[in-house]
Every structure is written in C-alpha cells, then in structure tokens.
Amino acid sequence: KAALSHFLESLRLDLAGEGIDVSLIHPGFVKTPLTDRNDFPMP
C-alpha cells in the first residue's frame, strides 16, 4: 500500500499538466470480510 501511494503521488505530478486528477483513498479499519479475519484489536 505504501508503494501504491508513492506511485500515485508521483503520477499525480506527471498528470497534473494534462488535467487528470489523482486521488488516494487511505481507509483505517473498515468492517469487511478481510478485516473480519484479523486476530487483533481494530480501533
């Protein structure tokens, strides 16, 4: 996920001149089938 964020932030700079915006979504813990498998507290 850190690699994805870095890639998209760099891409945002290169696409700005073309008028294409880039948004990154950084959720905390969300109740999903994936997080239901977690075995630790999810504040």
PDB file of all heavy atoms in Angstrom:
ATOM      1  N   LYS A   1       0.824  -1.203   0.000  1.00  0.00           N
ATOM      2  CA  LYS A   1       0.000   0.000   0.000  1.00  0.00           C
ATOM      3  C   LYS A   1       0.864   1.261   0.000  1.00  0.00           C
ATOM      4  O   LYS A   1       0.506   2.259  -0.643  1.00  0.00           O
ATOM      5  CB  LYS A   1      -0.935  -0.011   1.205  1.00  0.00           C
ATOM      6  CG  LYS A   1      -1.985  -1.110   1.155  1.00  0.00           C
ATOM      7  CD  LYS A   1      -2.896  -0.978  -0.064  1.00  0.00           C
ATOM      8  CE  LYS A   1      -4.079  -1.913   0.000  1.00  0.00           C
ATOM      9  NZ  LYS A   1      -4.988  -1.760  -1.156  1.00  0.00           N
ATOM     10  N   ALA A   2       1.989   1.235   0.700  1.00  0.00           N
ATOM     11  CA  ALA A   2       2.891   2.387   0.681  1.00  0.00           C
ATOM     12  C   ALA A   2       3.453   2.591  -0.728  1.00  0.00           C
ATOM     13  O   ALA A   2       3.586   3.723  -1.203  1.00  0.00           O
ATOM     14  CB  ALA A   2       4.019   2.197   1.694  1.00  0.00           C
ATOM     15  N   ALA A   3       3.786   1.485  -1.390  1.00  0.00           N
ATOM     16  CA  ALA A   3       4.278   1.591  -2.770  1.00  0.00           C
ATOM     17  C   ALA A   3       3.204   2.159  -3.681  1.00  0.00           C
ATOM     18  O   ALA A   3       3.489   2.999  -4.549  1.00  0.00           O
ATOM     19  CB  ALA A   3       4.722   0.210  -3.261  1.00  0.00           C
ATOM     20  N   LEU A   4       1.961   1.712  -3.503  1.00  0.00           N
ATOM     21  CA  LEU A   4       0.866   2.237  -4.310  1.00  0.00           C
ATOM     22  C   LEU A   4       0.684   3.730  -4.069  1.00  0.00           C
ATOM     23  O   LEU A   4       0.519   4.509  -5.025  1.00  0.00           O
ATOM     24  CB  LEU A   4      -0.420   1.485  -3.979  1.00  0.00           C
ATOM     25  CG  LEU A   4      -1.684   1.958  -4.698  1.00  0.00           C
ATOM     26  CD1 LEU A   4      -1.555   1.774  -6.204  1.00  0.00           C
ATOM     27  CD2 LEU A   4      -2.913   1.219  -4.168  1.00  0.00           C
ATOM     28  N   SER A   5       0.717   4.142  -2.812  1.00  0.00           N
ATOM     29  CA  SER A   5       0.553   5.563  -2.501  1.00  0.00           C
ATOM     30  C   SER A   5       1.669   6.390  -3.122  1.00  0.00           C
ATOM     31  O   SER A   5       1.418   7.455  -3.707  1.00  0.00           O
ATOM     32  CB  SER A   5       0.518   5.771  -0.980  1.00  0.00           C
ATOM     33  OG  SER A   5      -0.647   5.210  -0.425  1.00  0.00           O
ATOM     34  N   HIS A   6       2.897   5.910  -3.005  1.00  0.00           N
ATOM     35  CA  HIS A   6       4.021   6.657  -3.578  1.00  0.00           C
ATOM     36  C   HIS A   6       3.871   6.751  -5.094  1.00  0.00           C
ATOM     37  O   HIS A   6       4.071   7.823  -5.682  1.00  0.00           O
ATOM     38  CB  HIS A   6       5.341   5.969  -3.220  1.00  0.00           C
ATOM     39  CG  HIS A   6       6.552   6.751  -3.626  1.00  0.00           C
ATOM     40  ND1 HIS A   6       7.308   7.481  -2.747  1.00  0.00           N
ATOM     41  CD2 HIS A   6       7.122   6.941  -4.846  1.00  0.00           C
ATOM     42  CE1 HIS A   6       8.298   8.072  -3.390  1.00  0.00           C
ATOM     43  NE2 HIS A   6       8.200   7.760  -4.669  1.00  0.00           N
ATOM     44  N   PHE A   7       3.515   5.645  -5.726  1.00  0.00           N
ATOM     45  CA  PHE A   7       3.356   5.645  -7.185  1.00  0.00           C
ATOM     46  C   PHE A   7       2.291   6.646  -7.615  1.00  0.00           C
ATOM     47  O   PHE A   7       2.495   7.433  -8.539  1.00  0.00           O
ATOM     48  CB  PHE A   7       2.997   4.236  -7.662  1.00  0.00           C
ATOM     49  CG  PHE A   7       3.029   4.095  -9.154  1.00  0.00           C
ATOM     50  CD1 PHE A   7       4.145   3.590  -9.789  1.00  0.00           C
ATOM     51  CD2 PHE A   7       1.947   4.477  -9.937  1.00  0.00           C
ATOM     52  CE1 PHE A   7       4.194   3.475 -11.170  1.00  0.00           C
ATOM     53  CE2 PHE A   7       1.978   4.370 -11.313  1.00  0.00           C
ATOM     54  CZ  PHE A   7       3.108   3.871 -11.935  1.00  0.00           C
ATOM     55  N   LEU A   8       1.152   6.612  -6.950  1.00  0.00           N
ATOM     56  CA  LEU A   8       0.056   7.506  -7.338  1.00  0.00           C
ATOM     57  C   LEU A   8       0.387   8.966  -7.055  1.00  0.00           C
ATOM     58  O   LEU A   8      -0.014   9.856  -7.817  1.00  0.00           O
ATOM     59  CB  LEU A   8      -1.223   7.105  -6.619  1.00  0.00           C
ATOM     60  CG  LEU A   8      -2.178   6.138  -7.342  1.00  0.00           C
ATOM     61  CD1 LEU A   8      -2.839   6.798  -8.526  1.00  0.00           C
ATOM     62  CD2 LEU A   8      -1.473   4.857  -7.756  1.00  0.00           C
ATOM     63  N   GLU A   9       1.123   9.230  -5.979  1.00  0.00           N
ATOM     64  CA  GLU A   9       1.509  10.620  -5.705  1.00  0.00           C
ATOM     65  C   GLU A   9       2.457  11.129  -6.781  1.00  0.00           C
ATOM     66  O   GLU A   9       2.370  12.287  -7.206  1.00  0.00           O
ATOM     67  CB  GLU A   9       2.124  10.726  -4.315  1.00  0.00           C
ATOM     68  CG  GLU A   9       1.101  10.577  -3.194  1.00  0.00           C
ATOM     69  CD  GLU A   9       1.632  11.016  -1.845  1.00  0.00           C
ATOM     70  OE1 GLU A   9       2.694  11.670  -1.811  1.00  0.00           O
ATOM     71  OE2 GLU A   9       0.984  10.705  -0.836  1.00  0.00           O
ATOM     72  N   SER A  10       3.376  10.285  -7.224  1.00  0.00           N
ATOM     73  CA  SER A  10       4.261  10.686  -8.319  1.00  0.00           C
ATOM     74  C   SER A  10       3.475  10.860  -9.616  1.00  0.00           C
ATOM     75  O   SER A  10       3.672  11.826 -10.359  1.00  0.00           O
ATOM     76  CB  SER A  10       5.357   9.631  -8.513  1.00  0.00           C
ATOM     77  OG  SER A  10       6.239   9.598  -7.417  1.00  0.00           O
ATOM     78  N   LEU A  11       2.564   9.930  -9.878  1.00  0.00           N
ATOM     79  CA  LEU A  11       1.755  10.014 -11.082  1.00  0.00           C
ATOM     80  C   LEU A  11       0.909  11.282 -11.092  1.00  0.00           C
ATOM     81  O   LEU A  11       0.708  11.897 -12.147  1.00  0.00           O
ATOM     82  CB  LEU A  11       0.859   8.779 -11.183  1.00  0.00           C
ATOM     83  CG  LEU A  11       0.081   8.581 -12.482  1.00  0.00           C
ATOM     84  CD1 LEU A  11       1.030   8.363 -13.654  1.00  0.00           C
ATOM     85  CD2 LEU A  11      -0.885   7.407 -12.346  1.00  0.00           C
ATOM     86  N   ARG A  12       0.432  11.670  -9.924  1.00  0.00           N
ATOM     87  CA  ARG A  12      -0.357  12.905  -9.811  1.00  0.00           C
ATOM     88  C   ARG A  12       0.430  14.097 -10.345  1.00  0.00           C
ATOM     89  O   ARG A  12      -0.113  14.951 -11.046  1.00  0.00           O
ATOM     90  CB  ARG A  12      -0.727  13.129  -8.348  1.00  0.00           C
ATOM     91  CG  ARG A  12      -1.463  14.419  -8.059  1.00  0.00           C
ATOM     92  CD  ARG A  12      -1.577  14.618  -6.561  1.00  0.00           C
ATOM     93  NE  ARG A  12      -2.444  13.617  -5.945  1.00  0.00           N
ATOM     94  CZ  ARG A  12      -2.353  13.227  -4.681  1.00  0.00           C
ATOM     95  NH1 ARG A  12      -1.402  13.713  -3.894  1.00  0.00           N
ATOM     96  NH2 ARG A  12      -3.203  12.338  -4.200  1.00  0.00           N
ATOM     97  N   LEU A  13       1.714  14.153 -10.042  1.00  0.00           N
ATOM     98  CA  LEU A  13       2.543  15.265 -10.505  1.00  0.00           C
ATOM     99  C   LEU A  13       2.671  15.254 -12.028  1.00  0.00           C
ATOM    100  O   LEU A  13       2.635  16.301 -12.673  1.00  0.00           O
ATOM    101  CB  LEU A  13       3.927  15.179  -9.864  1.00  0.00           C
ATOM    102  CG  LEU A  13       3.964  15.176  -8.328  1.00  0.00           C
ATOM    103  CD1 LEU A  13       5.396  15.016  -7.845  1.00  0.00           C
ATOM    104  CD2 LEU A  13       3.342  16.448  -7.768  1.00  0.00           C
ATOM    105  N   ASP A  14       2.842  14.065 -12.597  1.00  0.00           N
ATOM    106  CA  ASP A  14       3.045  13.972 -14.033  1.00  0.00           C
ATOM    107  C   ASP A  14       1.762  14.157 -14.830  1.00  0.00           C
ATOM    108  O   ASP A  14       1.807  14.535 -16.004  1.00  0.00           O
ATOM    109  CB  ASP A  14       3.681  12.621 -14.374  1.00  0.00           C
ATOM    110  CG  ASP A  14       5.136  12.545 -13.936  1.00  0.00           C
ATOM    111  OD1 ASP A  14       5.833  13.570 -14.039  1.00  0.00           O
ATOM    112  OD2 ASP A  14       5.570  11.477 -13.481  1.00  0.00           O
ATOM    113  N   LEU A  15       0.610  13.877 -14.214  1.00  0.00           N
ATOM    114  CA  LEU A  15      -0.661  14.029 -14.919  1.00  0.00           C
ATOM    115  C   LEU A  15      -1.293  15.407 -14.738  1.00  0.00           C
ATOM    116  O   LEU A  15      -2.244  15.744 -15.443  1.00  0.00           O
ATOM    117  CB  LEU A  15      -1.657  12.958 -14.447  1.00  0.00           C
ATOM    118  CG  LEU A  15      -1.370  11.527 -14.866  1.00  0.00           C
ATOM    119  CD1 LEU A  15      -2.414  10.583 -14.280  1.00  0.00           C
ATOM    120  CD2 LEU A  15      -1.318  11.381 -16.385  1.00  0.00           C
ATOM    121  N   ALA A  16      -0.762  16.186 -13.798  1.00  0.00           N
ATOM    122  CA  ALA A  16      -1.384  17.481 -13.498  1.00  0.00           C
ATOM    123  C   ALA A  16      -1.457  18.366 -14.735  1.00  0.00           C
ATOM    124  O   ALA A  16      -2.461  19.048 -14.970  1.00  0.00           O
ATOM    125  CB  ALA A  16      -0.620  18.184 -12.381  1.00  0.00           C
ATOM    126  N   GLY A  17      -0.415  18.330 -15.545  1.00  0.00           N
ATOM    127  CA  GLY A  17      -0.400  19.165 -16.735  1.00  0.00           C
ATOM    128  C   GLY A  17      -1.406  18.734 -17.783  1.00  0.00           C
ATOM    129  O   GLY A  17      -1.749  19.517 -18.675  1.00  0.00           O
ATOM    130  N   GLU A  18      -1.892  17.500 -17.680  1.00  0.00           N
ATOM    131  CA  GLU A  18      -2.893  17.012 -18.631  1.00  0.00           C
ATOM    132  C   GLU A  18      -4.321  17.261 -18.158  1.00  0.00           C
ATOM    133  O   GLU A  18      -5.276  16.972 -18.884  1.00  0.00           O
ATOM    134  CB  GLU A  18      -2.717  15.505 -18.867  1.00  0.00           C
ATOM    135  CG  GLU A  18      -1.399  15.119 -19.510  1.00  0.00           C
ATOM    136  CD  GLU A  18      -1.381  13.652 -19.897  1.00  0.00           C
ATOM    137  OE1 GLU A  18      -2.382  13.180 -20.472  1.00  0.00           O
ATOM    138  OE2 GLU A  18      -0.375  12.978 -19.621  1.00  0.00           O
ATOM    139  N   GLY A  19      -4.471  17.742 -16.929  1.00  0.00           N
ATOM    140  CA  GLY A  19      -5.814  17.982 -16.416  1.00  0.00           C
ATOM    141  C   GLY A  19      -6.503  16.727 -15.917  1.00  0.00           C
ATOM    142  O   GLY A  19      -7.734  16.673 -15.867  1.00  0.00           O
ATOM    143  N   ILE A  20      -5.724  15.712 -15.550  1.00  0.00           N
ATOM    144  CA  ILE A  20      -6.268  14.486 -14.960  1.00  0.00           C
ATOM    145  C   ILE A  20      -5.913  14.472 -13.483  1.00  0.00           C
ATOM    146  O   ILE A  20      -4.733  14.516 -13.123  1.00  0.00           O
ATOM    147  CB  ILE A  20      -5.714  13.236 -15.657  1.00  0.00           C
ATOM    148  CG1 ILE A  20      -6.106  13.228 -17.136  1.00  0.00           C
ATOM    149  CG2 ILE A  20      -6.205  11.963 -14.966  1.00  0.00           C
ATOM    150  CD1 ILE A  20      -5.470  12.114 -17.943  1.00  0.00           C
ATOM    151  N   ASP A  21      -6.910  14.443 -12.632  1.00  0.00           N
ATOM    152  CA  ASP A  21      -6.680  14.466 -11.192  1.00  0.00           C
ATOM    153  C   ASP A  21      -6.464  13.062 -10.648  1.00  0.00           C
ATOM    154  O   ASP A  21      -6.935  12.069 -11.226  1.00  0.00           O
ATOM    155  CB  ASP A  21      -7.861  15.117 -10.473  1.00  0.00           C
ATOM    156  CG  ASP A  21      -7.992  16.602 -10.786  1.00  0.00           C
ATOM    157  OD1 ASP A  21      -6.973  17.220 -11.166  1.00  0.00           O
ATOM    158  OD2 ASP A  21      -9.110  17.135 -10.673  1.00  0.00           O
ATOM    159  N   VAL A  22      -5.763  12.980  -9.532  1.00  0.00           N
ATOM    160  CA  VAL A  22      -5.471  11.705  -8.879  1.00  0.00           C
ATOM    161  C   VAL A  22      -5.819  11.810  -7.404  1.00  0.00           C
ATOM    162  O   VAL A  22      -5.374  12.740  -6.720  1.00  0.00           O
ATOM    163  CB  VAL A  22      -3.986  11.315  -9.048  1.00  0.00           C
ATOM    164  CG1 VAL A  22      -3.677  10.035  -8.270  1.00  0.00           C
ATOM    165  CG2 VAL A  22      -3.626  11.144 -10.519  1.00  0.00           C
ATOM    166  N   SER A  23      -6.632  10.874  -6.922  1.00  0.00           N
ATOM    167  CA  SER A  23      -6.993  10.823  -5.505  1.00  0.00           C
ATOM    168  C   SER A  23      -6.523   9.503  -4.911  1.00  0.00           C
ATOM    169  O   SER A  23      -6.636   8.444  -5.542  1.00  0.00           O
ATOM    170  CB  SER A  23      -8.513  10.924  -5.315  1.00  0.00           C
ATOM    171  OG  SER A  23      -8.989  12.215  -5.611  1.00  0.00           O
ATOM    172  N   LEU A  24      -6.015   9.579  -3.692  1.00  0.00           N
ATOM    173  CA  LEU A  24      -5.644   8.381  -2.943  1.00  0.00           C
ATOM    174  C   LEU A  24      -6.613   8.199  -1.793  1.00  0.00           C
ATOM    175  O   LEU A  24      -6.949   9.157  -1.086  1.00  0.00           O
ATOM    176  CB  LEU A  24      -4.217   8.503  -2.416  1.00  0.00           C
ATOM    177  CG  LEU A  24      -3.142   7.963  -3.362  1.00  0.00           C
ATOM    178  CD1 LEU A  24      -1.779   8.497  -2.980  1.00  0.00           C
ATOM    179  CD2 LEU A  24      -3.142   6.432  -3.346  1.00  0.00           C
ATOM    180  N   ILE A  25      -7.063   6.969  -1.605  1.00  0.00           N
ATOM    181  CA  ILE A  25      -8.003   6.634  -0.538  1.00  0.00           C
ATOM    182  C   ILE A  25      -7.239   5.851   0.523  1.00  0.00           C
ATOM    183  O   ILE A  25      -6.675   4.787   0.231  1.00  0.00           O
ATOM    184  CB  ILE A  25      -9.176   5.808  -1.090  1.00  0.00           C
ATOM    185  CG1 ILE A  25      -9.878   6.575  -2.216  1.00  0.00           C
ATOM    186  CG2 ILE A  25     -10.154   5.450   0.021  1.00  0.00           C
ATOM    187  CD1 ILE A  25     -10.785   5.706  -3.070  1.00  0.00           C
ATOM    188  N   HIS A  26      -7.194   6.377   1.738  1.00  0.00           N
ATOM    189  CA  HIS A  26      -6.464   5.738   2.840  1.00  0.00           C
ATOM    190  C   HIS A  26      -7.431   5.404   3.972  1.00  0.00           C
ATOM    191  O   HIS A  26      -7.536   6.160   4.942  1.00  0.00           O
ATOM    192  CB  HIS A  26      -5.357   6.663   3.358  1.00  0.00           C
ATOM    193  CG  HIS A  26      -4.220   6.880   2.417  1.00  0.00           C
ATOM    194  ND1 HIS A  26      -4.064   8.034   1.672  1.00  0.00           N
ATOM    195  CD2 HIS A  26      -3.175   6.083   2.080  1.00  0.00           C
ATOM    196  CE1 HIS A  26      -2.972   7.938   0.939  1.00  0.00           C
ATOM    197  NE2 HIS A  26      -2.412   6.768   1.162  1.00  0.00           N
ATOM    198  N   PRO A  27      -8.147   4.281   3.885  1.00  0.00           N
ATOM    199  CA  PRO A  27      -9.056   3.932   4.981  1.00  0.00           C
ATOM    200  C   PRO A  27      -8.298   3.439   6.201  1.00  0.00           C
ATOM    201  O   PRO A  27      -7.226   2.822   6.090  1.00  0.00           O
ATOM    202  CB  PRO A  27      -9.897   2.788   4.388  1.00  0.00           C
ATOM    203  CG  PRO A  27      -9.514   2.699   2.939  1.00  0.00           C
ATOM    204  CD  PRO A  27      -8.172   3.299   2.802  1.00  0.00           C
ATOM    205  N   GLY A  28      -8.890   3.698   7.363  1.00  0.00           N
ATOM    206  CA  GLY A  28      -8.473   2.977   8.555  1.00  0.00           C
ATOM    207  C   GLY A  28      -9.152   1.619   8.544  1.00  0.00           C
ATOM    208  O   GLY A  28      -9.403   1.042   7.485  1.00  0.00           O
ATOM    209  N   PHE A  29      -9.475   1.098   9.717  1.00  0.00           N
ATOM    210  CA  PHE A  29     -10.138  -0.201   9.768  1.00  0.00           C
ATOM    211  C   PHE A  29     -11.602  -0.063   9.355  1.00  0.00           C
ATOM    212  O   PHE A  29     -12.327   0.781   9.873  1.00  0.00           O
ATOM    213  CB  PHE A  29     -10.042  -0.785  11.173  1.00  0.00           C
ATOM    214  CG  PHE A  29      -8.653  -1.179  11.573  1.00  0.00           C
ATOM    215  CD1 PHE A  29      -7.991  -0.516  12.600  1.00  0.00           C
ATOM    216  CD2 PHE A  29      -7.993  -2.207  10.916  1.00  0.00           C
ATOM    217  CE1 PHE A  29      -6.705  -0.869  12.968  1.00  0.00           C
ATOM    218  CE2 PHE A  29      -6.696  -2.571  11.267  1.00  0.00           C
ATOM    219  CZ  PHE A  29      -6.054  -1.906  12.295  1.00  0.00           C
ATOM    220  N   VAL A  30     -11.999  -0.895   8.405  1.00  0.00           N
ATOM    221  CA  VAL A  30     -13.379  -0.940   7.923  1.00  0.00           C
ATOM    222  C   VAL A  30     -13.867  -2.376   8.086  1.00  0.00           C
ATOM    223  O   VAL A  30     -13.130  -3.332   7.788  1.00  0.00           O
ATOM    224  CB  VAL A  30     -13.477  -0.504   6.452  1.00  0.00           C
ATOM    225  CG1 VAL A  30     -14.927  -0.556   5.964  1.00  0.00           C
ATOM    226  CG2 VAL A  30     -12.910   0.909   6.275  1.00  0.00           C
ATOM    227  N   LYS A  31     -15.100  -2.541   8.549  1.00  0.00           N
ATOM    228  CA  LYS A  31     -15.633  -3.887   8.753  1.00  0.00           C
ATOM    229  C   LYS A  31     -15.958  -4.520   7.410  1.00  0.00           C
ATOM    230  O   LYS A  31     -16.962  -4.203   6.774  1.00  0.00           O
ATOM    231  CB  LYS A  31     -16.876  -3.854   9.648  1.00  0.00           C
ATOM    232  CG  LYS A  31     -17.428  -5.242   9.944  1.00  0.00           C
ATOM    233  CD  LYS A  31     -18.528  -5.230  10.970  1.00  0.00           C
ATOM    234  CE  LYS A  31     -19.141  -6.625  11.123  1.00  0.00           C
ATOM    235  NZ  LYS A  31     -18.156  -7.687  11.290  1.00  0.00           N
ATOM    236  N   THR A  32     -15.105  -5.415   6.962  1.00  0.00           N
ATOM    237  CA  THR A  32     -15.255  -6.118   5.692  1.00  0.00           C
ATOM    238  C   THR A  32     -14.907  -7.585   5.916  1.00  0.00           C
ATOM    239  O   THR A  32     -14.366  -7.956   6.971  1.00  0.00           O
ATOM    240  CB  THR A  32     -14.305  -5.540   4.633  1.00  0.00           C
ATOM    241  OG1 THR A  32     -12.951  -5.875   4.999  1.00  0.00           O
ATOM    242  CG2 THR A  32     -14.442  -4.032   4.503  1.00  0.00           C
ATOM    243  N   PRO A  33     -15.175  -8.450   4.927  1.00  0.00           N
ATOM    244  CA  PRO A  33     -14.744  -9.849   5.068  1.00  0.00           C
ATOM    245  C   PRO A  33     -13.246  -9.991   5.316  1.00  0.00           C
ATOM    246  O   PRO A  33     -12.818 -10.926   5.994  1.00  0.00           O
ATOM    247  CB  PRO A  33     -15.158 -10.467   3.724  1.00  0.00           C
ATOM    248  CG  PRO A  33     -16.353  -9.671   3.310  1.00  0.00           C
ATOM    249  CD  PRO A  33     -16.056  -8.263   3.753  1.00  0.00           C
ATOM    250  N   LEU A  34     -12.426  -9.080   4.773  1.00  0.00           N
ATOM    251  CA  LEU A  34     -10.988  -9.148   5.025  1.00  0.00           C
ATOM    252  C   LEU A  34     -10.654  -8.843   6.478  1.00  0.00           C
ATOM    253  O   LEU A  34      -9.907  -9.577   7.123  1.00  0.00           O
ATOM    254  CB  LEU A  34     -10.242  -8.172   4.102  1.00  0.00           C
ATOM    255  CG  LEU A  34      -9.855  -8.671   2.713  1.00  0.00           C
ATOM    256  CD1 LEU A  34      -9.135  -7.564   1.950  1.00  0.00           C
ATOM    257  CD2 LEU A  34      -8.962  -9.905   2.789  1.00  0.00           C
ATOM    258  N   THR A  35     -11.186  -7.752   7.011  1.00  0.00           N
ATOM    259  CA  THR A  35     -10.849  -7.399   8.391  1.00  0.00           C
ATOM    260  C   THR A  35     -11.519  -8.326   9.394  1.00  0.00           C
ATOM    261  O   THR A  35     -11.042  -8.444  10.527  1.00  0.00           O
ATOM    262  CB  THR A  35     -11.218  -5.940   8.715  1.00  0.00           C
ATOM    263  OG1 THR A  35     -12.629  -5.756   8.544  1.00  0.00           O
ATOM    264  CG2 THR A  35     -10.476  -4.966   7.813  1.00  0.00           C
ATOM    265  N   ASP A  36     -12.593  -9.008   8.995  1.00  0.00           N
ATOM    266  CA  ASP A  36     -13.210  -9.975   9.900  1.00  0.00           C
ATOM    267  C   ASP A  36     -12.257 -11.118  10.231  1.00  0.00           C
ATOM    268  O   ASP A  36     -12.437 -11.809  11.239  1.00  0.00           O
ATOM    269  CB  ASP A  36     -14.497 -10.543   9.291  1.00  0.00           C
ATOM    270  CG  ASP A  36     -15.659  -9.560   9.362  1.00  0.00           C
ATOM    271  OD1 ASP A  36     -15.573  -8.587  10.141  1.00  0.00           O
ATOM    272  OD2 ASP A  36     -16.649  -9.758   8.629  1.00  0.00           O
ATOM    273  N   ARG A  37     -11.231 -11.313   9.401  1.00  0.00           N
ATOM    274  CA  ARG A  37     -10.250 -12.380   9.651  1.00  0.00           C
ATOM    275  C   ARG A  37      -9.140 -11.934  10.591  1.00  0.00           C
ATOM    276  O   ARG A  37      -8.341 -12.764  11.038  1.00  0.00           O
ATOM    277  CB  ARG A  37      -9.621 -12.834   8.334  1.00  0.00           C
ATOM    278  CG  ARG A  37     -10.625 -13.305   7.295  1.00  0.00           C
ATOM    279  CD  ARG A  37      -9.953 -14.117   6.189  1.00  0.00           C
ATOM    280  NE  ARG A  37      -8.715 -13.527   5.705  1.00  0.00           N
ATOM    281  CZ  ARG A  37      -8.506 -13.190   4.425  1.00  0.00           C
ATOM    282  NH1 ARG A  37      -9.472 -13.331   3.538  1.00  0.00           N
ATOM    283  NH2 ARG A  37      -7.347 -12.709   4.053  1.00  0.00           N
ATOM    284  N   ASN A  38      -9.062 -10.640  10.891  1.00  0.00           N
ATOM    285  CA  ASN A  38      -7.978 -10.145  11.731  1.00  0.00           C
ATOM    286  C   ASN A  38      -8.087 -10.687  13.153  1.00  0.00           C
ATOM    287  O   ASN A  38      -9.183 -10.845  13.686  1.00  0.00           O
ATOM    288  CB  ASN A  38      -7.972  -8.613  11.764  1.00  0.00           C
ATOM    289  CG  ASN A  38      -7.515  -8.019  10.443  1.00  0.00           C
ATOM    290  OD1 ASN A  38      -6.979  -8.714   9.589  1.00  0.00           O
ATOM    291  ND2 ASN A  38      -7.726  -6.724  10.278  1.00  0.00           N
ATOM    292  N   ASP A  39      -6.938 -10.949  13.761  1.00  0.00           N
ATOM    293  CA  ASP A  39      -6.897 -11.508  15.107  1.00  0.00           C
ATOM    294  C   ASP A  39      -6.296 -10.530  16.112  1.00  0.00           C
ATOM    295  O   ASP A  39      -5.637 -10.911  17.064  1.00  0.00           O
ATOM    296  CB  ASP A  39      -6.105 -12.815  15.114  1.00  0.00           C
ATOM    297  CG  ASP A  39      -4.663 -12.634  14.617  1.00  0.00           C
ATOM    298  OD1 ASP A  39      -4.304 -11.504  14.199  1.00  0.00           O
ATOM    299  OD2 ASP A  39      -3.897 -13.617  14.652  1.00  0.00           O
ATOM    300  N   PHE A  40      -6.538  -9.233  15.877  1.00  0.00           N
ATOM    301  CA  PHE A  40      -6.005  -8.205  16.772  1.00  0.00           C
ATOM    302  C   PHE A  40      -7.030  -7.084  16.885  1.00  0.00           C
ATOM    303  O   PHE A  40      -7.936  -6.976  16.057  1.00  0.00           O
ATOM    304  CB  PHE A  40      -4.669  -7.666  16.248  1.00  0.00           C
ATOM    305  CG  PHE A  40      -4.709  -7.219  14.808  1.00  0.00           C
ATOM    306  CD1 PHE A  40      -5.171  -5.946  14.465  1.00  0.00           C
ATOM    307  CD2 PHE A  40      -4.298  -8.065  13.797  1.00  0.00           C
ATOM    308  CE1 PHE A  40      -5.219  -5.529  13.149  1.00  0.00           C
ATOM    309  CE2 PHE A  40      -4.344  -7.658  12.461  1.00  0.00           C
ATOM    310  CZ  PHE A  40      -4.798  -6.392  12.143  1.00  0.00           C
ATOM    311  N   PRO A  41      -6.911  -6.234  17.905  1.00  0.00           N
ATOM    312  CA  PRO A  41      -7.872  -5.135  18.063  1.00  0.00           C
ATOM    313  C   PRO A  41      -7.804  -4.182  16.872  1.00  0.00           C
ATOM    314  O   PRO A  41      -6.734  -3.918  16.317  1.00  0.00           O
ATOM    315  CB  PRO A  41      -7.407  -4.446  19.347  1.00  0.00           C
ATOM    316  CG  PRO A  41      -6.599  -5.462  20.075  1.00  0.00           C
ATOM    317  CD  PRO A  41      -5.948  -6.297  19.025  1.00  0.00           C
ATOM    318  N   MET A  42      -8.968  -3.652  16.479  1.00  0.00           N
ATOM    319  CA  MET A  42      -9.057  -2.717  15.347  1.00  0.00           C
ATOM    320  C   MET A  42      -9.753  -1.449  15.820  1.00  0.00           C
ATOM    321  O   MET A  42     -10.980  -1.320  15.712  1.00  0.00           O
ATOM    322  CB  MET A  42      -9.812  -3.363  14.181  1.00  0.00           C
ATOM    323  CG  MET A  42      -9.039  -4.486  13.524  1.00  0.00           C
ATOM    324  SD  MET A  42     -10.016  -5.401  12.291  1.00  0.00           S
ATOM    325  CE  MET A  42     -10.909  -6.506  13.404  1.00  0.00           C
ATOM    326  N   PRO A  43      -8.984  -0.518  16.375  1.00  0.00           N
ATOM    327  CA  PRO A  43      -9.604   0.689  16.955  1.00  0.00           C
ATOM    328  C   PRO A  43     -10.325   1.525  15.915  1.00  0.00           C
ATOM    329  O   PRO A  43      -9.869   1.657  14.772  1.00  0.00           O
ATOM    330  CB  PRO A  43      -8.417   1.445  17.554  1.00  0.00           C
ATOM    331  CG  PRO A  43      -7.214   0.922  16.842  1.00  0.00           C
ATOM    332  CD  PRO A  43      -7.518  -0.509  16.511  1.00  0.00           C
TER     333      PRO A  43
END
